[in-house]
Amino acid sequence: SLTDYVSRMKEGQDEIYVITADSLATAKASPQLEIFRKKGIEVLLLVDRVDEWMLSHLYDFDGHALTSVAKGGVDLGKLQNEEEKKQAEAAAEAAKPLIERLKKSLEGRAKDVRATTRLVDSPACIVVDDGDMSQHLARMLKQSGQSAPKSQPILEVNAEHALVKRMAADEGRFDDLANILFDQAMLAEGGQ
């Protein structure tokens, strides 16, 4: 229950973290969970079809906001020390040329490309802006014959990943590799 979750929250944790997915296996395999696993922060895996609609009406519980780990930027606040914040800022600064190349390469497919703090082992993941509809909900609407607003996802890349570093050095195949990276991130998120 949410009461149980709140009782187990780490010291300094202000939010209840959740992720929605088509299945339990997809939710467990989501790359968005990597930083939460590393830090030992519990994330609720919501796989029932009604959960997505429930989250659009339930914003908080017992004074703690319900926050999707697949939307917007990840700010762990007090759960992240100053050294980790500085390392993330330095990595993002170093990755700026790569990010700009990816933005050009994925123009029309990705709303934005940015360096991430949520990935540990994966090269990239797909997220949506806070105000946008999740990819999961858009798929459910399409399956039920309804129209979903057209929105493009944001690609977050792990600038420290070996694949991303190698990709940055491969001038001849950069566009192909950028599209493969984007497609792989879409598949990991549950897309087709």
N, C-alpha and C. Protein backbone atom coordinates (compact mmCIF):
# COMPACT_ATOMS: atom_id res chain seq x y z
N SER A 1 0.84 -1.18 0.00
CA SER A 1 0.00 0.00 0.00
C SER A 1 0.89 1.24 0.00
N LEU A 2 0.28 2.37 -0.31
CA LEU A 2 1.04 3.62 -0.29
C LEU A 2 1.54 3.95 1.12
N THR A 3 0.75 3.57 2.12
CA THR A 3 1.17 3.78 3.52
C THR A 3 2.45 3.00 3.80
N ASP A 4 2.49 1.75 3.34
CA ASP A 4 3.69 0.92 3.52
C ASP A 4 4.88 1.54 2.80
N TYR A 5 4.65 2.01 1.57
CA TYR A 5 5.73 2.63 0.79
C TYR A 5 6.30 3.81 1.57
N VAL A 6 5.43 4.69 2.05
CA VAL A 6 5.88 5.89 2.78
C VAL A 6 6.67 5.49 4.02
N SER A 7 6.26 4.43 4.69
CA SER A 7 6.98 3.99 5.90
C SER A 7 8.38 3.48 5.57
N ARG A 8 8.61 3.06 4.32
CA ARG A 8 9.92 2.52 3.92
C ARG A 8 10.78 3.55 3.18
N MET A 9 10.30 4.76 3.00
CA MET A 9 11.06 5.77 2.24
C MET A 9 12.39 6.06 2.91
N LYS A 10 13.41 6.31 2.08
CA LYS A 10 14.74 6.62 2.60
C LYS A 10 14.72 8.02 3.23
N GLU A 11 15.64 8.23 4.14
CA GLU A 11 15.76 9.54 4.78
C GLU A 11 16.11 10.58 3.71
N GLY A 12 15.38 11.66 3.68
CA GLY A 12 15.59 12.71 2.69
C GLY A 12 14.74 12.55 1.44
N GLN A 13 14.02 11.42 1.32
CA GLN A 13 13.16 11.20 0.15
C GLN A 13 11.83 11.90 0.36
N ASP A 14 11.45 12.75 -0.58
CA ASP A 14 10.21 13.51 -0.46
C ASP A 14 9.10 13.00 -1.36
N GLU A 15 9.45 12.23 -2.39
CA GLU A 15 8.47 11.84 -3.39
C GLU A 15 8.25 10.32 -3.42
N ILE A 16 7.10 9.93 -3.92
CA ILE A 16 6.79 8.52 -4.16
C ILE A 16 7.06 8.29 -5.64
N TYR A 17 8.01 7.44 -5.95
CA TYR A 17 8.41 7.21 -7.33
C TYR A 17 7.61 6.04 -7.92
N VAL A 18 7.12 6.24 -9.15
CA VAL A 18 6.32 5.22 -9.83
C VAL A 18 6.76 5.10 -11.28
N ILE A 19 6.44 3.96 -11.88
CA ILE A 19 6.61 3.78 -13.32
C ILE A 19 5.44 2.95 -13.81
N THR A 20 4.89 3.32 -14.97
CA THR A 20 3.81 2.55 -15.57
C THR A 20 4.36 1.82 -16.79
N ALA A 21 3.82 0.62 -17.03
CA ALA A 21 4.28 -0.17 -18.17
C ALA A 21 3.20 -1.16 -18.56
N ASP A 22 3.39 -1.77 -19.75
CA ASP A 22 2.44 -2.76 -20.26
C ASP A 22 2.45 -4.05 -19.45
N SER A 23 3.61 -4.39 -18.90
CA SER A 23 3.73 -5.65 -18.15
C SER A 23 4.75 -5.49 -17.04
N LEU A 24 4.73 -6.42 -16.11
CA LEU A 24 5.68 -6.39 -14.99
C LEU A 24 7.11 -6.56 -15.51
N ALA A 25 7.28 -7.44 -16.50
CA ALA A 25 8.62 -7.66 -17.06
C ALA A 25 9.16 -6.38 -17.70
N THR A 26 8.32 -5.66 -18.43
CA THR A 26 8.74 -4.40 -19.05
C THR A 26 9.09 -3.37 -17.99
N ALA A 27 8.28 -3.28 -16.95
CA ALA A 27 8.55 -2.32 -15.87
C ALA A 27 9.87 -2.64 -15.18
N LYS A 28 10.08 -3.91 -14.85
CA LYS A 28 11.32 -4.31 -14.15
C LYS A 28 12.56 -4.08 -15.00
N ALA A 29 12.43 -4.23 -16.33
CA ALA A 29 13.58 -4.08 -17.23
C ALA A 29 13.81 -2.64 -17.67
N SER A 30 12.97 -1.71 -17.24
CA SER A 30 13.08 -0.33 -17.69
C SER A 30 14.42 0.29 -17.29
N PRO A 31 15.12 0.90 -18.25
CA PRO A 31 16.38 1.57 -17.91
C PRO A 31 16.19 2.77 -16.98
N GLN A 32 14.97 3.34 -16.94
CA GLN A 32 14.73 4.48 -16.05
C GLN A 32 14.92 4.13 -14.57
N LEU A 33 14.91 2.84 -14.25
CA LEU A 33 15.04 2.41 -12.85
C LEU A 33 16.49 2.30 -12.38
N GLU A 34 17.45 2.42 -13.29
CA GLU A 34 18.84 2.13 -12.94
C GLU A 34 19.37 2.96 -11.78
N ILE A 35 19.19 4.26 -11.80
CA ILE A 35 19.72 5.10 -10.72
C ILE A 35 19.00 4.80 -9.40
N PHE A 36 17.72 4.44 -9.50
CA PHE A 36 16.96 4.13 -8.28
C PHE A 36 17.44 2.81 -7.67
N ARG A 37 17.76 1.83 -8.53
CA ARG A 37 18.32 0.56 -8.02
C ARG A 37 19.66 0.81 -7.36
N LYS A 38 20.50 1.60 -8.03
CA LYS A 38 21.84 1.88 -7.51
C LYS A 38 21.76 2.52 -6.13
N LYS A 39 20.80 3.42 -5.94
CA LYS A 39 20.67 4.13 -4.67
C LYS A 39 19.76 3.41 -3.67
N GLY A 40 19.15 2.30 -4.07
CA GLY A 40 18.28 1.55 -3.17
C GLY A 40 16.96 2.25 -2.89
N ILE A 41 16.45 3.01 -3.88
CA ILE A 41 15.19 3.73 -3.71
C ILE A 41 14.08 2.91 -4.34
N GLU A 42 13.03 2.67 -3.58
CA GLU A 42 11.91 1.87 -4.06
C GLU A 42 11.08 2.65 -5.09
N VAL A 43 10.71 1.95 -6.16
CA VAL A 43 9.84 2.52 -7.19
C VAL A 43 8.65 1.58 -7.34
N LEU A 44 7.45 2.14 -7.32
CA LEU A 44 6.25 1.34 -7.51
C LEU A 44 6.09 1.00 -8.98
N LEU A 45 5.93 -0.28 -9.30
CA LEU A 45 5.75 -0.74 -10.67
C LEU A 45 4.26 -0.90 -10.92
N LEU A 46 3.70 -0.02 -11.74
CA LEU A 46 2.26 -0.01 -11.99
C LEU A 46 1.99 -0.57 -13.38
N VAL A 47 1.33 -1.73 -13.44
CA VAL A 47 1.15 -2.41 -14.73
C VAL A 47 -0.31 -2.65 -15.09
N ASP A 48 -1.22 -2.20 -14.26
CA ASP A 48 -2.64 -2.35 -14.58
C ASP A 48 -3.03 -1.23 -15.53
N ARG A 49 -3.93 -1.51 -16.47
CA ARG A 49 -4.31 -0.51 -17.46
C ARG A 49 -4.91 0.75 -16.83
N VAL A 50 -5.54 0.63 -15.69
CA VAL A 50 -6.17 1.78 -15.06
C VAL A 50 -5.15 2.67 -14.33
N ASP A 51 -3.96 2.17 -14.08
CA ASP A 51 -2.97 2.93 -13.32
C ASP A 51 -2.60 4.25 -13.98
N GLU A 52 -2.50 4.24 -15.29
CA GLU A 52 -2.13 5.46 -16.01
C GLU A 52 -3.17 6.56 -15.78
N TRP A 53 -4.46 6.20 -15.83
CA TRP A 53 -5.52 7.19 -15.58
C TRP A 53 -5.55 7.59 -14.11
N MET A 54 -5.31 6.64 -13.24
CA MET A 54 -5.29 6.94 -11.81
C MET A 54 -4.23 8.00 -11.50
N LEU A 55 -3.07 7.88 -12.13
CA LEU A 55 -1.99 8.84 -11.87
C LEU A 55 -2.31 10.24 -12.39
N SER A 56 -3.23 10.33 -13.36
CA SER A 56 -3.59 11.65 -13.86
C SER A 56 -4.55 12.37 -12.90
N HIS A 57 -5.03 11.67 -11.89
CA HIS A 57 -5.95 12.27 -10.91
C HIS A 57 -5.41 12.23 -9.48
N LEU A 58 -4.48 11.34 -9.21
CA LEU A 58 -3.88 11.23 -7.88
C LEU A 58 -2.49 11.83 -7.94
N TYR A 59 -2.34 13.02 -7.39
CA TYR A 59 -1.07 13.74 -7.50
C TYR A 59 -0.15 13.52 -6.30
N ASP A 60 -0.75 13.27 -5.15
CA ASP A 60 0.08 13.06 -3.97
C ASP A 60 -0.63 12.15 -2.98
N PHE A 61 0.14 11.67 -2.03
CA PHE A 61 -0.39 10.85 -0.95
C PHE A 61 0.34 11.23 0.32
N ASP A 62 -0.41 11.58 1.34
CA ASP A 62 0.15 11.89 2.65
C ASP A 62 1.25 12.96 2.55
N GLY A 63 1.03 13.94 1.67
CA GLY A 63 1.99 15.04 1.53
C GLY A 63 3.18 14.73 0.63
N HIS A 64 3.22 13.56 0.01
CA HIS A 64 4.31 13.18 -0.88
C HIS A 64 3.79 13.09 -2.31
N ALA A 65 4.42 13.84 -3.21
CA ALA A 65 4.01 13.83 -4.61
C ALA A 65 4.30 12.48 -5.24
N LEU A 66 3.38 12.01 -6.10
CA LEU A 66 3.62 10.80 -6.89
C LEU A 66 4.34 11.25 -8.16
N THR A 67 5.54 10.76 -8.37
CA THR A 67 6.39 11.20 -9.46
C THR A 67 6.76 10.03 -10.35
N SER A 68 6.46 10.17 -11.65
CA SER A 68 6.83 9.15 -12.62
C SER A 68 8.31 9.26 -12.92
N VAL A 69 9.02 8.13 -12.88
CA VAL A 69 10.45 8.14 -13.18
C VAL A 69 10.70 8.24 -14.68
N ALA A 70 9.64 8.14 -15.49
CA ALA A 70 9.77 8.19 -16.95
C ALA A 70 9.32 9.54 -17.53
N LYS A 71 9.10 10.52 -16.66
CA LYS A 71 8.68 11.84 -17.12
C LYS A 71 9.63 12.90 -16.57
N GLY A 72 9.92 13.87 -17.42
CA GLY A 72 10.73 15.00 -16.98
C GLY A 72 12.14 14.59 -16.58
N GLY A 73 12.82 15.49 -15.92
CA GLY A 73 14.17 15.21 -15.44
C GLY A 73 14.12 14.55 -14.08
N VAL A 74 15.16 13.83 -13.76
CA VAL A 74 15.24 13.18 -12.45
C VAL A 74 16.03 14.08 -11.52
N ASP A 75 15.41 14.51 -10.44
CA ASP A 75 16.09 15.30 -9.42
C ASP A 75 15.92 14.57 -8.10
N LEU A 76 16.98 13.92 -7.67
CA LEU A 76 16.91 13.15 -6.43
C LEU A 76 17.12 14.02 -5.20
N GLY A 77 17.35 15.30 -5.41
CA GLY A 77 17.45 16.24 -4.30
C GLY A 77 18.43 15.81 -3.23
N LYS A 78 17.93 15.63 -2.02
CA LYS A 78 18.77 15.28 -0.87
C LYS A 78 19.34 13.87 -0.96
N LEU A 79 18.80 13.06 -1.87
CA LEU A 79 19.28 11.68 -2.01
C LEU A 79 20.55 11.61 -2.86
N GLN A 80 21.00 12.75 -3.39
CA GLN A 80 22.19 12.82 -4.22
C GLN A 80 23.18 13.76 -3.54
N ASN A 81 24.43 13.31 -3.36
CA ASN A 81 25.40 14.17 -2.67
C ASN A 81 26.01 15.17 -3.65
N GLU A 82 26.74 16.13 -3.11
CA GLU A 82 27.29 17.23 -3.92
C GLU A 82 28.27 16.73 -4.97
N GLU A 83 29.07 15.72 -4.61
CA GLU A 83 30.04 15.19 -5.58
C GLU A 83 29.34 14.57 -6.78
N GLU A 84 28.26 13.85 -6.53
CA GLU A 84 27.49 13.25 -7.63
C GLU A 84 26.89 14.33 -8.52
N LYS A 85 26.40 15.40 -7.92
CA LYS A 85 25.84 16.51 -8.70
C LYS A 85 26.91 17.16 -9.57
N LYS A 86 28.10 17.37 -9.01
CA LYS A 86 29.20 17.97 -9.77
C LYS A 86 29.64 17.07 -10.91
N GLN A 87 29.71 15.75 -10.67
CA GLN A 87 30.09 14.80 -11.71
C GLN A 87 29.07 14.82 -12.85
N ALA A 88 27.79 14.87 -12.50
CA ALA A 88 26.73 14.90 -13.51
C ALA A 88 26.82 16.16 -14.36
N GLU A 89 27.08 17.30 -13.72
CA GLU A 89 27.21 18.57 -14.44
C GLU A 89 28.42 18.54 -15.37
N ALA A 90 29.54 17.98 -14.89
CA ALA A 90 30.75 17.90 -15.72
C ALA A 90 30.54 16.99 -16.92
N ALA A 91 29.86 15.85 -16.70
CA ALA A 91 29.59 14.91 -17.80
C ALA A 91 28.67 15.55 -18.83
N ALA A 92 27.66 16.29 -18.37
CA ALA A 92 26.73 16.96 -19.28
C ALA A 92 27.45 18.02 -20.10
N GLU A 93 28.36 18.75 -19.48
CA GLU A 93 29.13 19.78 -20.18
C GLU A 93 30.04 19.16 -21.23
N ALA A 94 30.70 18.07 -20.88
CA ALA A 94 31.60 17.38 -21.82
C ALA A 94 30.84 16.78 -22.99
N ALA A 95 29.58 16.41 -22.77
CA ALA A 95 28.78 15.75 -23.80
C ALA A 95 28.06 16.73 -24.73
N LYS A 96 28.18 18.04 -24.50
CA LYS A 96 27.43 19.02 -25.29
C LYS A 96 27.62 18.86 -26.81
N PRO A 97 28.86 18.69 -27.31
CA PRO A 97 29.01 18.53 -28.77
C PRO A 97 28.28 17.29 -29.29
N LEU A 98 28.37 16.19 -28.57
CA LEU A 98 27.67 14.96 -28.95
C LEU A 98 26.16 15.17 -28.94
N ILE A 99 25.66 15.82 -27.91
CA ILE A 99 24.22 16.08 -27.78
C ILE A 99 23.72 16.90 -28.97
N GLU A 100 24.47 17.92 -29.36
CA GLU A 100 24.08 18.76 -30.49
C GLU A 100 24.03 17.95 -31.79
N ARG A 101 25.02 17.07 -31.97
CA ARG A 101 25.01 16.21 -33.17
C ARG A 101 23.81 15.27 -33.16
N LEU A 102 23.49 14.72 -32.00
CA LEU A 102 22.34 13.83 -31.89
C LEU A 102 21.04 14.57 -32.18
N LYS A 103 20.93 15.80 -31.68
CA LYS A 103 19.72 16.60 -31.94
C LYS A 103 19.51 16.79 -33.43
N LYS A 104 20.59 17.10 -34.15
CA LYS A 104 20.49 17.27 -35.60
C LYS A 104 20.12 15.97 -36.28
N SER A 105 20.74 14.91 -35.87
CA SER A 105 20.53 13.61 -36.49
C SER A 105 19.12 13.08 -36.26
N LEU A 106 18.56 13.36 -35.10
CA LEU A 106 17.24 12.83 -34.73
C LEU A 106 16.12 13.86 -34.87
N GLU A 107 16.40 14.96 -35.56
CA GLU A 107 15.39 15.98 -35.77
C GLU A 107 14.17 15.38 -36.44
N GLY A 108 13.00 15.65 -35.88
CA GLY A 108 11.77 15.08 -36.41
C GLY A 108 11.36 13.79 -35.71
N ARG A 109 12.28 13.15 -35.01
CA ARG A 109 11.97 11.92 -34.27
C ARG A 109 11.96 12.16 -32.76
N ALA A 110 12.90 12.98 -32.30
CA ALA A 110 13.02 13.25 -30.86
C ALA A 110 12.78 14.74 -30.62
N LYS A 111 11.99 15.02 -29.58
CA LYS A 111 11.70 16.41 -29.21
C LYS A 111 12.97 17.10 -28.73
N ASP A 112 13.80 16.34 -28.01
CA ASP A 112 15.04 16.88 -27.47
C ASP A 112 15.98 15.71 -27.19
N VAL A 113 17.25 16.02 -27.05
CA VAL A 113 18.26 15.04 -26.63
C VAL A 113 19.03 15.71 -25.51
N ARG A 114 19.27 14.95 -24.45
CA ARG A 114 20.02 15.52 -23.33
C ARG A 114 20.81 14.44 -22.61
N ALA A 115 21.83 14.87 -21.91
CA ALA A 115 22.60 13.94 -21.08
C ALA A 115 21.73 13.58 -19.88
N THR A 116 21.94 12.39 -19.35
CA THR A 116 21.07 11.90 -18.30
C THR A 116 21.80 11.63 -17.00
N THR A 117 21.06 11.67 -15.92
CA THR A 117 21.60 11.26 -14.62
C THR A 117 20.89 9.99 -14.14
N ARG A 118 19.91 9.50 -14.91
CA ARG A 118 19.12 8.36 -14.45
C ARG A 118 19.67 7.01 -14.91
N LEU A 119 20.62 7.01 -15.85
CA LEU A 119 21.14 5.75 -16.38
C LEU A 119 22.48 5.40 -15.74
N VAL A 120 22.67 4.10 -15.54
CA VAL A 120 23.92 3.59 -14.98
C VAL A 120 24.56 2.64 -16.00
N ASP A 121 23.81 1.65 -16.47
CA ASP A 121 24.35 0.62 -17.37
C ASP A 121 23.89 0.77 -18.82
N SER A 122 22.77 1.40 -19.07
CA SER A 122 22.21 1.50 -20.42
C SER A 122 22.76 2.73 -21.14
N PRO A 123 22.84 2.67 -22.49
CA PRO A 123 23.36 3.82 -23.24
C PRO A 123 22.35 4.96 -23.38
N ALA A 124 21.04 4.63 -23.38
CA ALA A 124 20.04 5.68 -23.60
C ALA A 124 18.68 5.22 -23.10
N CYS A 125 17.78 6.19 -22.91
CA CYS A 125 16.40 5.88 -22.55
C CYS A 125 15.49 6.97 -23.10
N ILE A 126 14.21 6.63 -23.17
CA ILE A 126 13.18 7.54 -23.66
C ILE A 126 12.40 8.08 -22.46
N VAL A 127 12.18 9.38 -22.43
CA VAL A 127 11.32 10.01 -21.42
C VAL A 127 10.42 11.00 -22.13
N VAL A 128 9.41 11.47 -21.43
CA VAL A 128 8.53 12.51 -21.97
C VAL A 128 8.55 13.69 -21.02
N ASP A 129 8.19 14.86 -21.54
CA ASP A 129 8.09 16.06 -20.70
C ASP A 129 7.02 15.86 -19.64
N ASP A 130 7.12 16.62 -18.55
CA ASP A 130 6.16 16.50 -17.46
C ASP A 130 4.72 16.67 -17.93
N GLY A 131 4.46 17.58 -18.84
CA GLY A 131 3.09 17.85 -19.28
C GLY A 131 2.61 16.95 -20.41
N ASP A 132 3.51 16.16 -21.00
CA ASP A 132 3.13 15.33 -22.14
C ASP A 132 2.54 13.98 -21.70
N MET A 133 1.80 13.38 -22.62
CA MET A 133 1.22 12.06 -22.38
C MET A 133 2.32 11.01 -22.49
N SER A 134 2.31 10.05 -21.60
CA SER A 134 3.32 9.00 -21.64
C SER A 134 3.14 8.14 -22.89
N GLN A 135 4.23 7.53 -23.33
CA GLN A 135 4.18 6.64 -24.49
C GLN A 135 3.25 5.46 -24.21
N HIS A 136 3.26 5.01 -22.97
CA HIS A 136 2.41 3.88 -22.55
C HIS A 136 0.93 4.23 -22.71
N LEU A 137 0.53 5.40 -22.24
CA LEU A 137 -0.88 5.82 -22.36
C LEU A 137 -1.25 6.04 -23.83
N ALA A 138 -0.36 6.62 -24.61
CA ALA A 138 -0.63 6.83 -26.04
C ALA A 138 -0.86 5.49 -26.74
N ARG A 139 -0.06 4.48 -26.40
CA ARG A 139 -0.25 3.14 -27.00
C ARG A 139 -1.60 2.55 -26.59
N MET A 140 -1.98 2.72 -25.32
CA MET A 140 -3.26 2.18 -24.86
C MET A 140 -4.43 2.85 -25.58
N LEU A 141 -4.37 4.16 -25.77
CA LEU A 141 -5.43 4.87 -26.48
C LEU A 141 -5.55 4.38 -27.92
N LYS A 142 -4.42 4.21 -28.59
CA LYS A 142 -4.44 3.72 -29.97
C LYS A 142 -5.02 2.31 -30.05
N GLN A 143 -4.67 1.46 -29.08
CA GLN A 143 -5.19 0.09 -29.06
C GLN A 143 -6.70 0.06 -28.88
N SER A 144 -7.23 1.06 -28.18
CA SER A 144 -8.68 1.10 -27.96
C SER A 144 -9.40 1.88 -29.06
N GLY A 145 -8.68 2.27 -30.10
CA GLY A 145 -9.30 2.95 -31.23
C GLY A 145 -9.46 4.44 -31.06
N GLN A 146 -8.88 5.01 -30.02
CA GLN A 146 -8.97 6.45 -29.79
C GLN A 146 -7.72 7.13 -30.32
N SER A 147 -7.83 8.41 -30.57
CA SER A 147 -6.66 9.14 -31.04
C SER A 147 -5.88 9.68 -29.85
N ALA A 148 -4.59 9.70 -30.01
CA ALA A 148 -3.71 10.23 -28.97
C ALA A 148 -3.00 11.45 -29.54
N PRO A 149 -2.81 12.48 -28.73
CA PRO A 149 -2.09 13.64 -29.24
C PRO A 149 -0.69 13.25 -29.68
N LYS A 150 -0.25 13.82 -30.78
CA LYS A 150 1.07 13.51 -31.32
C LYS A 150 2.11 14.24 -30.47
N SER A 151 3.01 13.47 -29.90
CA SER A 151 4.11 14.09 -29.16
C SER A 151 5.37 13.29 -29.40
N GLN A 152 6.47 13.97 -29.38
CA GLN A 152 7.75 13.31 -29.59
C GLN A 152 8.43 13.10 -28.24
N PRO A 153 9.09 11.96 -28.10
CA PRO A 153 9.79 11.70 -26.84
C PRO A 153 11.13 12.43 -26.76
N ILE A 154 11.69 12.43 -25.59
CA ILE A 154 13.02 13.00 -25.35
C ILE A 154 13.98 11.83 -25.21
N LEU A 155 15.11 11.89 -25.88
CA LEU A 155 16.14 10.86 -25.75
C LEU A 155 17.15 11.34 -24.73
N GLU A 156 17.36 10.55 -23.70
CA GLU A 156 18.41 10.85 -22.72
C GLU A 156 19.53 9.85 -22.94
N VAL A 157 20.76 10.36 -23.06
CA VAL A 157 21.90 9.49 -23.31
C VAL A 157 22.86 9.49 -22.12
N ASN A 158 23.45 8.34 -21.91
CA ASN A 158 24.45 8.15 -20.87
C ASN A 158 25.81 8.42 -21.50
N ALA A 159 26.32 9.62 -21.33
CA ALA A 159 27.57 10.04 -21.97
C ALA A 159 28.77 9.22 -21.53
N GLU A 160 28.64 8.51 -20.40
CA GLU A 160 29.74 7.70 -19.89
C GLU A 160 29.73 6.28 -20.45
N HIS A 161 28.68 5.91 -21.17
CA HIS A 161 28.56 4.56 -21.71
C HIS A 161 29.54 4.36 -22.86
N ALA A 162 30.18 3.18 -22.92
CA ALA A 162 31.18 2.90 -23.95
C ALA A 162 30.61 3.02 -25.36
N LEU A 163 29.37 2.58 -25.57
CA LEU A 163 28.75 2.66 -26.89
C LEU A 163 28.58 4.12 -27.33
N VAL A 164 28.16 4.97 -26.42
CA VAL A 164 27.96 6.38 -26.75
C VAL A 164 29.30 7.05 -27.04
N LYS A 165 30.33 6.72 -26.28
CA LYS A 165 31.66 7.29 -26.53
C LYS A 165 32.19 6.84 -27.89
N ARG A 166 32.00 5.57 -28.21
CA ARG A 166 32.47 5.05 -29.50
C ARG A 166 31.69 5.69 -30.66
N MET A 167 30.41 5.85 -30.44
CA MET A 167 29.55 6.45 -31.46
C MET A 167 30.03 7.87 -31.79
N ALA A 168 30.42 8.62 -30.78
CA ALA A 168 30.86 10.00 -30.97
C ALA A 168 32.10 10.07 -31.87
N ALA A 169 32.91 9.01 -31.86
CA ALA A 169 34.13 8.99 -32.66
C ALA A 169 33.91 8.45 -34.07
N ASP A 170 32.75 7.90 -34.35
CA ASP A 170 32.48 7.28 -35.66
C ASP A 170 31.75 8.27 -36.57
N GLU A 171 32.53 9.05 -37.32
CA GLU A 171 31.95 10.09 -38.18
C GLU A 171 31.09 9.51 -39.30
N GLY A 172 31.55 8.45 -39.93
CA GLY A 172 30.89 7.91 -41.10
C GLY A 172 29.52 7.31 -40.84
N ARG A 173 29.33 6.71 -39.68
CA ARG A 173 28.07 6.02 -39.39
C ARG A 173 27.28 6.70 -38.26
N PHE A 174 27.60 7.92 -37.95
CA PHE A 174 26.98 8.58 -36.80
C PHE A 174 25.46 8.61 -36.89
N ASP A 175 24.91 9.02 -38.04
CA ASP A 175 23.45 9.12 -38.18
C ASP A 175 22.78 7.76 -38.02
N ASP A 176 23.38 6.72 -38.63
CA ASP A 176 22.82 5.37 -38.48
C ASP A 176 22.85 4.93 -37.02
N LEU A 177 23.97 5.16 -36.36
CA LEU A 177 24.09 4.76 -34.95
C LEU A 177 23.14 5.56 -34.06
N ALA A 178 22.94 6.84 -34.38
CA ALA A 178 22.00 7.66 -33.61
C ALA A 178 20.59 7.10 -33.71
N ASN A 179 20.19 6.69 -34.91
CA ASN A 179 18.85 6.12 -35.09
C ASN A 179 18.73 4.75 -34.42
N ILE A 180 19.78 3.96 -34.44
CA ILE A 180 19.77 2.67 -33.74
C ILE A 180 19.65 2.89 -32.23
N LEU A 181 20.38 3.86 -31.71
CA LEU A 181 20.32 4.18 -30.29
C LEU A 181 18.90 4.61 -29.89
N PHE A 182 18.29 5.45 -30.73
CA PHE A 182 16.93 5.92 -30.47
C PHE A 182 15.94 4.74 -30.53
N ASP A 183 16.06 3.90 -31.56
CA ASP A 183 15.15 2.75 -31.69
C ASP A 183 15.30 1.78 -30.53
N GLN A 184 16.54 1.55 -30.10
CA GLN A 184 16.79 0.65 -28.97
C GLN A 184 16.14 1.20 -27.71
N ALA A 185 16.23 2.50 -27.51
CA ALA A 185 15.62 3.13 -26.34
C ALA A 185 14.09 3.01 -26.41
N MET A 186 13.52 3.15 -27.61
CA MET A 186 12.06 3.00 -27.78
C MET A 186 11.63 1.58 -27.44
N LEU A 187 12.40 0.59 -27.90
CA LEU A 187 12.06 -0.81 -27.60
C LEU A 187 12.16 -1.09 -26.10
N ALA A 188 13.20 -0.56 -25.45
CA ALA A 188 13.37 -0.78 -24.01
C ALA A 188 12.22 -0.17 -23.22
N GLU A 189 11.63 0.91 -23.76
CA GLU A 189 10.52 1.59 -23.08
C GLU A 189 9.19 0.85 -23.32
N GLY A 190 9.19 -0.08 -24.26
CA GLY A 190 7.97 -0.85 -24.53
C GLY A 190 7.34 -0.52 -25.87
N GLY A 191 7.96 0.37 -26.63
CA GLY A 191 7.43 0.73 -27.95
C GLY A 191 7.75 -0.31 -28.99
N GLN A 192 7.33 -0.02 -30.21
CA GLN A 192 7.58 -0.94 -31.33
C GLN A 192 8.44 -0.26 -32.38
